[in-house]
């Protein structure tokens, strides 16, 4: 019952009217274990393997594929699942912060950040390449704080 024909939709509607249930409830009942023609349920979630992680990184960063294209190649993974995995676990976020004061921005770094963003029209990812040890998210956050202080 993946794609319903008009006569199947009509039957569902008739059953729904007779039973006083919604069409969605009728569809759900027809998928119950008692119905041998039921629509297969989603596969249960399973952990990503190291090979899958490496493939996602390669396809995204080297081949430049979209998450939808990666998901179709992986077959058992959804677009949302692939994107979530990449953002939460696989994307390089730069070094981990420590409590020392070396992570503070100098005045020169702050001025250079403002200048590059305004005059260079660069993305934060491109700017992050010019600031070793800084990632795009921290640069974006710092710039917004700097701009608030200038108003």
Protein backbone atom coordinates (compact mmCIF):
# COMPACT_ATOMS: atom_id res chain seq x y z
CA UNK A 1 0.00 0.00 0.00
CA UNK A 2 2.88 2.36 -0.70
CA UNK A 3 1.05 4.18 -3.50
CA UNK A 4 -2.70 3.77 -3.46
CA UNK A 5 -4.82 3.58 -6.58
CA UNK A 6 -8.13 5.44 -6.72
CA UNK A 7 -10.16 2.28 -6.04
CA UNK A 8 -8.00 1.55 -2.98
CA UNK A 9 -8.52 5.09 -1.70
CA UNK A 10 -12.26 4.67 -2.20
CA UNK A 11 -12.23 1.42 -0.21
CA UNK A 12 -10.29 3.09 2.60
CA UNK A 13 -12.80 5.94 2.64
CA UNK A 14 -15.74 3.52 2.74
CA UNK A 15 -14.19 1.55 5.61
CA UNK A 16 -13.50 4.78 7.48
CA UNK A 17 -17.11 5.94 7.08
CA UNK A 18 -18.52 2.56 8.16
CA UNK A 19 -16.31 2.28 11.23
CA UNK A 20 -16.35 5.94 12.21
CA UNK A 21 -12.55 6.04 12.18
CA UNK A 22 -10.23 8.36 10.31
CA UNK A 23 -8.59 7.22 7.08
CA UNK A 24 -5.23 7.32 8.84
CA UNK A 25 -6.55 5.03 11.60
CA UNK A 26 -7.86 2.60 8.97
CA UNK A 27 -4.49 2.61 7.19
CA UNK A 28 -2.76 1.93 10.50
CA UNK A 29 -5.12 -0.95 11.28
CA UNK A 30 -4.44 -2.48 7.87
CA UNK A 31 -0.72 -2.47 8.69
CA UNK A 32 -1.30 -4.45 11.88
CA UNK A 33 0.41 -7.85 12.30
CA UNK A 34 -2.89 -9.62 11.58
CA UNK A 35 -2.92 -8.30 8.01
CA UNK A 36 -0.44 -10.22 5.79
CA UNK A 37 -0.48 -7.45 3.15
CA UNK A 38 0.62 -4.79 5.62
CA UNK A 39 3.11 -2.14 4.73
CA UNK A 40 6.54 -2.99 6.16
CA UNK A 41 7.48 -0.89 9.15
CA UNK A 42 10.65 1.18 9.29
CA UNK A 43 13.80 -0.75 9.98
CA UNK A 44 14.98 -0.45 13.57
CA UNK A 45 17.78 2.04 14.16
CA UNK A 46 21.30 0.71 14.23
CA UNK A 47 24.62 2.28 15.08
CA UNK A 48 26.80 3.78 12.37
CA UNK A 49 29.90 1.77 11.56
CA UNK A 50 33.37 3.22 11.16
CA UNK A 51 33.19 2.45 7.42
CA UNK A 52 29.91 4.38 7.11
CA UNK A 53 31.39 7.35 8.96
CA UNK A 54 34.42 7.37 6.66
CA UNK A 55 32.18 7.12 3.61
CA UNK A 56 30.03 10.06 4.76
CA UNK A 57 33.13 12.19 5.34
CA UNK A 58 34.62 11.24 1.97
CA UNK A 59 31.40 11.83 0.02
CA UNK A 60 30.68 15.14 1.76
CA UNK A 61 34.13 16.72 1.98
CA UNK A 62 36.00 15.27 -1.00
CA UNK A 63 33.24 14.59 -3.52
CA UNK A 64 31.04 17.51 -2.38
CA UNK A 65 27.78 15.57 -2.49
CA UNK A 66 24.59 16.75 -0.80
CA UNK A 67 23.14 14.83 2.14
CA UNK A 68 20.30 13.56 -0.06
CA UNK A 69 22.78 12.16 -2.58
CA UNK A 70 24.80 10.52 0.18
CA UNK A 71 21.65 8.97 1.66
CA UNK A 72 20.64 7.47 -1.70
CA UNK A 73 24.09 5.94 -2.07
CA UNK A 74 23.98 4.48 1.43
CA UNK A 75 20.44 3.09 0.86
CA UNK A 76 19.68 2.19 4.50
CA UNK A 77 20.21 5.73 5.82
CA UNK A 78 17.87 8.71 5.55
CA UNK A 79 18.87 12.21 4.52
CA UNK A 80 18.14 13.54 8.02
CA UNK A 81 20.11 10.70 9.58
CA UNK A 82 23.18 11.34 7.42
CA UNK A 83 23.05 15.09 7.99
CA UNK A 84 22.59 14.69 11.74
CA UNK A 85 25.47 12.23 11.96
CA UNK A 86 27.77 14.58 10.06
CA UNK A 87 26.89 17.67 12.10
CA UNK A 88 26.89 15.99 15.51
CA UNK A 89 29.87 13.65 15.26
CA UNK A 90 31.90 13.88 12.07
CA UNK A 91 32.32 17.54 11.17
CA UNK A 92 35.69 18.99 12.16
CA UNK A 93 35.00 21.62 14.80
CA UNK A 94 38.58 22.58 15.52
CA UNK A 95 40.57 21.97 18.69
CA UNK A 96 38.87 21.65 22.07
CA UNK A 97 38.88 24.76 24.24
CA UNK A 98 40.95 24.91 27.37
CA UNK A 99 40.75 27.26 30.34
CA UNK A 100 43.98 29.10 29.58
CA UNK A 101 43.85 32.67 28.27
CA UNK A 102 45.46 31.84 24.92
CA UNK A 103 41.97 31.40 23.47
CA UNK A 104 41.08 35.05 23.94
CA UNK A 105 41.03 37.19 20.84
CA UNK A 106 43.70 39.87 20.57
CA UNK A 107 42.78 43.35 19.33
CA UNK A 108 44.59 42.61 16.08
CA UNK A 109 42.59 39.42 15.57
CA UNK A 110 39.32 41.23 16.27
CA UNK A 111 40.15 44.02 13.81
CA UNK A 112 41.29 41.53 11.18
CA UNK A 113 38.06 39.55 11.62
CA UNK A 114 35.91 42.65 11.10
CA UNK A 115 37.98 43.76 8.11
CA UNK A 116 37.93 40.36 6.40
CA UNK A 117 34.19 39.97 6.84
CA UNK A 118 33.33 43.49 5.63
CA UNK A 119 35.90 44.11 2.92
CA UNK A 120 36.75 40.60 1.81
CA UNK A 121 33.16 39.31 1.64
CA UNK A 122 34.44 35.94 2.83
CA UNK A 123 32.40 33.23 4.51
CA UNK A 124 33.24 32.28 8.08
CA UNK A 125 34.58 28.94 6.84
CA UNK A 126 37.05 30.78 4.60
CA UNK A 127 38.02 33.16 7.39
CA UNK A 128 38.54 30.22 9.78
CA UNK A 129 41.29 28.95 7.48
CA UNK A 130 43.18 32.20 8.13
CA UNK A 131 42.82 31.89 11.91
CA UNK A 132 44.60 28.74 13.11
CA UNK A 133 42.84 27.15 16.06
CA UNK A 134 39.54 28.95 15.42
CA UNK A 135 36.45 27.51 13.79
CA UNK A 136 33.71 29.21 11.79
CA UNK A 137 31.17 29.09 14.61
CA UNK A 138 33.46 30.79 17.14
CA UNK A 139 34.40 33.47 14.60
CA UNK A 140 30.74 34.14 13.82
CA UNK A 141 29.92 34.42 17.51
CA UNK A 142 32.86 36.73 18.16
CA UNK A 143 31.96 38.99 15.25
CA UNK A 144 28.37 39.36 16.43
CA UNK A 145 29.63 40.32 19.91
CA UNK A 146 32.08 42.81 18.41
CA UNK A 147 29.38 44.39 16.25
CA UNK A 148 27.02 44.77 19.22
CA UNK A 149 29.72 46.68 21.06
CA UNK A 150 30.21 49.12 18.16
CA UNK A 151 26.57 50.30 18.03
